[in-house]
Each structure stands twice: as structure tokens, then as C-alpha cells.
Amino acid sequence: MKAAAGKTTAFPWDSVMTASFGLLRLSPRDFWSMTPREMERAMSALGGGRTPAPRRGELEHLMAQFPDMTEQSYDR
């Protein structure tokens, strides 16, 4: 498989097959008949759709809403 920049990378067959057969429980027939796009969508259900890290403003808002506990808070 060639990346857009021309760097050659090996396709992670072991990981894809492990996820497909072990987690998605696909049959070999179904696995080999899927297109790469179908495989990507099926595997995204396993947690591949991560959300990006919060921006600084979002993080500051969360920190204001949920401040760390002080040592005095532990004594209660």
C-alpha cells in the first residue's frame, strides 16, 4: 500500500483480521467480500471514532466546573 506522500507501509493484516474475526465475528466469506471502505466503517464501531482533545477554552471551562479536590476536601 502506498501513502499519498509516496512512503510505503505494510498493511496491518494481523490487526484487521483479528478485529474482523474476533471482535466483529465476520465469517471469512464476509471478510473477503468487504471493500476497504466497508471494513473501515465496520471497524469504526470498535472505538475508532475518537473525539479530538478539548481546546484550551473548553478545558478551562471544564476545570472551572469540576475543580480538583484540595487536601481539605479529603478530610470531609
N, C-alpha and C. Protein backbone atom coordinates (compact mmCIF):
# COMPACT_ATOMS: atom_id res chain seq x y z
N MET A 1 0.85 -1.16 0.00
CA MET A 1 0.00 0.00 0.00
C MET A 1 0.90 1.23 0.00
N LYS A 2 0.58 2.20 -0.83
CA LYS A 2 1.37 3.42 -0.89
C LYS A 2 0.57 4.58 -0.34
N ALA A 3 1.22 5.36 0.52
CA ALA A 3 0.58 6.56 1.06
C ALA A 3 0.69 7.66 0.02
N ALA A 4 -0.07 8.71 0.20
CA ALA A 4 -0.09 9.81 -0.76
C ALA A 4 1.28 10.44 -0.93
N ALA A 5 2.08 10.48 0.12
CA ALA A 5 3.40 11.11 0.04
C ALA A 5 4.42 10.18 -0.59
N GLY A 6 4.04 8.96 -0.92
CA GLY A 6 4.94 8.03 -1.57
C GLY A 6 5.64 7.08 -0.63
N LYS A 7 5.41 7.21 0.67
CA LYS A 7 6.02 6.30 1.63
C LYS A 7 5.26 4.98 1.62
N THR A 8 5.96 3.88 1.54
CA THR A 8 5.36 2.56 1.50
C THR A 8 5.21 2.03 2.92
N THR A 9 4.00 1.60 3.24
CA THR A 9 3.75 1.00 4.55
C THR A 9 3.06 -0.34 4.36
N ALA A 10 3.36 -1.27 5.23
CA ALA A 10 2.73 -2.58 5.14
C ALA A 10 1.31 -2.50 5.70
N PHE A 11 0.40 -3.19 5.07
CA PHE A 11 -0.97 -3.21 5.56
C PHE A 11 -1.03 -4.07 6.81
N PRO A 12 -1.72 -3.62 7.87
CA PRO A 12 -1.75 -4.37 9.14
C PRO A 12 -2.73 -5.54 9.11
N TRP A 13 -2.43 -6.53 8.29
CA TRP A 13 -3.33 -7.66 8.13
C TRP A 13 -3.67 -8.35 9.45
N ASP A 14 -2.67 -8.56 10.31
CA ASP A 14 -2.92 -9.27 11.56
C ASP A 14 -3.95 -8.54 12.41
N SER A 15 -3.80 -7.24 12.54
CA SER A 15 -4.74 -6.46 13.36
C SER A 15 -6.14 -6.45 12.74
N VAL A 16 -6.21 -6.25 11.44
CA VAL A 16 -7.51 -6.19 10.77
C VAL A 16 -8.22 -7.54 10.85
N MET A 17 -7.49 -8.61 10.62
CA MET A 17 -8.12 -9.93 10.69
C MET A 17 -8.53 -10.29 12.12
N THR A 18 -7.71 -9.91 13.10
CA THR A 18 -8.06 -10.18 14.49
C THR A 18 -9.34 -9.45 14.87
N ALA A 19 -9.44 -8.19 14.51
CA ALA A 19 -10.64 -7.41 14.82
C ALA A 19 -11.84 -7.95 14.05
N SER A 20 -11.65 -8.29 12.81
CA SER A 20 -12.76 -8.75 11.97
C SER A 20 -13.33 -10.08 12.43
N PHE A 21 -12.46 -11.04 12.67
CA PHE A 21 -12.93 -12.37 13.06
C PHE A 21 -13.24 -12.46 14.55
N GLY A 22 -12.40 -11.84 15.38
CA GLY A 22 -12.56 -11.97 16.82
C GLY A 22 -13.58 -11.03 17.42
N LEU A 23 -13.57 -9.77 17.00
CA LEU A 23 -14.47 -8.79 17.61
C LEU A 23 -15.76 -8.58 16.82
N LEU A 24 -15.62 -8.45 15.51
CA LEU A 24 -16.82 -8.26 14.68
C LEU A 24 -17.52 -9.57 14.34
N ARG A 25 -16.82 -10.67 14.56
CA ARG A 25 -17.35 -12.02 14.29
C ARG A 25 -17.78 -12.20 12.83
N LEU A 26 -16.98 -11.66 11.92
CA LEU A 26 -17.28 -11.83 10.50
C LEU A 26 -16.87 -13.22 10.05
N SER A 27 -17.60 -13.76 9.11
CA SER A 27 -17.19 -15.02 8.50
C SER A 27 -16.08 -14.70 7.50
N PRO A 28 -15.24 -15.68 7.16
CA PRO A 28 -14.22 -15.42 6.15
C PRO A 28 -14.83 -14.92 4.84
N ARG A 29 -15.97 -15.47 4.46
CA ARG A 29 -16.63 -15.04 3.22
C ARG A 29 -16.99 -13.56 3.29
N ASP A 30 -17.59 -13.15 4.41
CA ASP A 30 -17.96 -11.74 4.57
C ASP A 30 -16.72 -10.85 4.62
N PHE A 31 -15.69 -11.30 5.33
CA PHE A 31 -14.47 -10.52 5.44
C PHE A 31 -13.86 -10.25 4.06
N TRP A 32 -13.68 -11.28 3.27
CA TRP A 32 -13.01 -11.12 1.98
C TRP A 32 -13.89 -10.45 0.94
N SER A 33 -15.20 -10.37 1.17
CA SER A 33 -16.07 -9.70 0.20
C SER A 33 -16.24 -8.20 0.49
N MET A 34 -15.75 -7.73 1.64
CA MET A 34 -15.90 -6.32 2.00
C MET A 34 -14.90 -5.45 1.26
N THR A 35 -15.33 -4.24 0.94
CA THR A 35 -14.42 -3.26 0.37
C THR A 35 -13.64 -2.61 1.52
N PRO A 36 -12.51 -1.99 1.22
CA PRO A 36 -11.78 -1.30 2.29
C PRO A 36 -12.64 -0.26 3.02
N ARG A 37 -13.48 0.45 2.28
CA ARG A 37 -14.35 1.45 2.91
C ARG A 37 -15.35 0.79 3.86
N GLU A 38 -15.93 -0.33 3.45
CA GLU A 38 -16.86 -1.06 4.32
C GLU A 38 -16.15 -1.56 5.58
N MET A 39 -14.93 -2.04 5.40
CA MET A 39 -14.15 -2.53 6.54
C MET A 39 -13.85 -1.38 7.51
N GLU A 40 -13.47 -0.24 6.98
CA GLU A 40 -13.18 0.92 7.82
C GLU A 40 -14.40 1.31 8.63
N ARG A 41 -15.56 1.33 7.99
CA ARG A 41 -16.79 1.71 8.70
C ARG A 41 -17.14 0.68 9.75
N ALA A 42 -17.01 -0.59 9.44
CA ALA A 42 -17.33 -1.64 10.42
C ALA A 42 -16.39 -1.55 11.62
N MET A 43 -15.11 -1.30 11.36
CA MET A 43 -14.15 -1.24 12.45
C MET A 43 -14.29 0.04 13.27
N SER A 44 -14.87 1.08 12.70
CA SER A 44 -15.06 2.31 13.47
C SER A 44 -16.02 2.08 14.63
N ALA A 45 -16.86 1.07 14.52
CA ALA A 45 -17.78 0.74 15.61
C ALA A 45 -17.04 0.20 16.83
N LEU A 46 -15.79 -0.17 16.65
CA LEU A 46 -15.00 -0.71 17.75
C LEU A 46 -14.30 0.38 18.56
N GLY A 47 -14.58 1.63 18.24
CA GLY A 47 -13.98 2.72 19.00
C GLY A 47 -13.03 3.56 18.19
N GLY A 48 -13.00 3.38 16.92
CA GLY A 48 -12.12 4.15 16.07
C GLY A 48 -12.52 5.59 15.89
N GLY A 49 -13.74 5.95 16.27
CA GLY A 49 -14.22 7.31 16.10
C GLY A 49 -13.94 8.16 17.32
N ARG A 50 -12.71 8.33 17.66
CA ARG A 50 -12.36 9.11 18.83
C ARG A 50 -12.63 10.59 18.62
N THR A 51 -12.98 11.24 19.68
CA THR A 51 -13.20 12.68 19.61
C THR A 51 -11.86 13.38 19.84
N PRO A 52 -11.68 14.55 19.26
CA PRO A 52 -10.42 15.27 19.46
C PRO A 52 -10.31 15.78 20.89
N ALA A 53 -9.10 16.07 21.30
CA ALA A 53 -8.86 16.63 22.62
C ALA A 53 -9.54 17.99 22.72
N PRO A 54 -9.99 18.36 23.91
CA PRO A 54 -10.65 19.67 24.05
C PRO A 54 -9.67 20.81 23.80
N ARG A 55 -10.19 21.89 23.25
CA ARG A 55 -9.37 23.10 23.05
C ARG A 55 -9.16 23.75 24.41
N ARG A 56 -8.21 24.67 24.45
CA ARG A 56 -7.85 25.31 25.72
C ARG A 56 -9.07 25.90 26.42
N GLY A 57 -9.92 26.63 25.70
CA GLY A 57 -11.10 27.25 26.31
C GLY A 57 -12.05 26.21 26.88
N GLU A 58 -12.24 25.11 26.15
CA GLU A 58 -13.11 24.04 26.64
C GLU A 58 -12.53 23.41 27.90
N LEU A 59 -11.22 23.20 27.89
CA LEU A 59 -10.55 22.61 29.05
C LEU A 59 -10.66 23.53 30.27
N GLU A 60 -10.44 24.82 30.06
CA GLU A 60 -10.56 25.77 31.17
C GLU A 60 -11.98 25.79 31.73
N HIS A 61 -12.97 25.71 30.85
CA HIS A 61 -14.37 25.67 31.29
C HIS A 61 -14.63 24.42 32.13
N LEU A 62 -14.14 23.27 31.67
CA LEU A 62 -14.32 22.03 32.43
C LEU A 62 -13.59 22.09 33.78
N MET A 63 -12.40 22.68 33.78
CA MET A 63 -11.65 22.79 35.02
C MET A 63 -12.37 23.69 36.03
N ALA A 64 -13.04 24.73 35.53
CA ALA A 64 -13.81 25.61 36.41
C ALA A 64 -15.05 24.90 36.95
N GLN A 65 -15.67 24.07 36.11
CA GLN A 65 -16.86 23.34 36.54
C GLN A 65 -16.53 22.22 37.51
N PHE A 66 -15.40 21.58 37.31
CA PHE A 66 -15.01 20.41 38.10
C PHE A 66 -13.60 20.58 38.64
N PRO A 67 -13.43 21.47 39.62
CA PRO A 67 -12.08 21.71 40.15
C PRO A 67 -11.53 20.49 40.87
N ASP A 68 -10.20 20.39 40.89
CA ASP A 68 -9.55 19.32 41.64
C ASP A 68 -9.86 19.51 43.12
N MET A 69 -9.93 18.41 43.81
CA MET A 69 -10.20 18.49 45.24
C MET A 69 -8.93 18.94 45.96
N THR A 70 -9.08 19.78 46.95
CA THR A 70 -7.95 20.21 47.76
C THR A 70 -7.77 19.20 48.89
N GLU A 71 -6.69 19.32 49.62
CA GLU A 71 -6.44 18.40 50.74
C GLU A 71 -7.55 18.52 51.78
N GLN A 72 -8.09 19.73 51.96
CA GLN A 72 -9.18 19.91 52.92
C GLN A 72 -10.43 19.15 52.49
N SER A 73 -10.63 19.01 51.19
CA SER A 73 -11.80 18.30 50.70
C SER A 73 -11.77 16.83 51.06
N TYR A 74 -10.56 16.26 51.19
CA TYR A 74 -10.44 14.85 51.50
C TYR A 74 -10.81 14.53 52.96
N ASP A 75 -10.69 15.54 53.82
CA ASP A 75 -10.95 15.33 55.25
C ASP A 75 -12.43 15.27 55.57
N ARG A 76 -13.27 15.65 54.67
CA ARG A 76 -14.72 15.70 54.94
C ARG A 76 -15.34 14.34 54.88
